[in-house]
Amino acid sequence: MTTRALVLSLAATAFGCKSKDEPKPTGGSGSGTATAETPRAAPRPSQAPQPKLPPPPDAGDPKKVALGHVLFFDKRLSGANDRSCYSCHQNEDGNGGHDPIAIGSGDKVLTRHSPVIWNVGYWNNAFYWDGRAKTLEDNAKGAWGLGNMGGAPAGAKPEEVTAALDKRAADLAAIAGYKPLFEAAFPGVKEWKTEHVTGALAAYMRTLVCNDTAYDKYADGKKDALTEQQQRGLDVFSGKGRCATCHAPPFFSTAMGVEGGAYFNTGVGTNAPEDKVDIGRMKVSNKPDDWAAFKPPSLRNVTKSPPYFHDGSVAKLDDAVKIMSSGGIANKHKSPLLQDAKLTDAERADLVAFLGALECGGKLEEPKLP
């Protein structure tokens, strides 16, 4: 299925789109009946039933979760003992990245912005901005072994990365405080390896669930959970603004929960010389149509997690909304699904107010390290 067909299918499912062949109601007499002179008001999307999140992904053994929780905050995983997973996903940044471009171990400047990882377990065979990792365990290994945390030497071959991480896993498991955590999470194991660390990290990250936003309460029937302005903003989001094309609720990313993800060229980052443009999904798929296409992030916690986009190029949410609602940035492969919605200032203000209803209530709690 093409990305366009996928998006249209999801939009129809989420918002009950009617067929163009569906017969139109005829006019007539009597109170409350639409006529040619008094057309029926269009229904407000905000007043229809809203999609709800499915149950959270299974995190597995709580003892693995407990080990992964500690590892997530431990800088000793990194090559220079200076970066933990949490370093790029802190509470004060909405659990996304603080810097426009992530800073890895040894203060190495990486290539992309660190996204918010609330609900990361819902991604399906599509991790990282370009979907190159198939599982959360693969994602954890890539972040740990390569530039983010530098757990392996720069330029190491895949087998050398695994060997370096195996040694680091064994060293961690030998620490007095860690030993009982490893043994409880993986009973009977005699030789600690990469897979044990990445398995525990993935188990913990699957518990990072955001399902307590004002939107979720509203979808559950608590109709005062959204202000009137936020309800108007939801009307814009689901209607004129066309935001649901890339950010369909309840995930608020059309790509989340979809096998292999979905990728869109919005034009962000394409104003550089062509040989300097981050080609995004094309690097994975080798398809020219995927040039500079990226997975749309979830908008949950978006008001708390500037800067925005895969390159961290926009500091203010209102500016990010302006770019997207005006149809993105023109380039040779911009998605035809992005069109100028021609929002008024008032409509855009309502839309931004609605995005405030996607703020996550939880925070990451730092455990006591061994």
Foldseek 3Di string as FASTA:
>chain_A
DALQVLLVVLLCVFQVDDDPPPDDDAADDDPPTAHPVRHDDDDFSLVDQGDADDDFDQLPDVLLLVLLLQQQPFLLLFPQSPDHVQQQQAVQQLGHGPDLFAQAPPRRTDFWTGGRLASVQQFACADDFQSQHHHQLSVLLPCSQAGRRVLFPHPDDPVRSQVSQQVSQQVQCPPPVNVVSLCVQPPPDDRGGSSSNSSSNRSNSSVNHFQPFLVNVVSVPPVVSADPLLSLLVSCCSPLQLQCSQQNPPQGGSQGNDHSGRWFQQPVQVVDPNVPGDQRNCVRVVDPLSGNITGDHHLQQVQSHADDDTSRPRGHPLVVSQQQLCFGDDDDNGDPSGHNSPDDPSNSVSNVSNSNRRYGDDGRDHDDHD
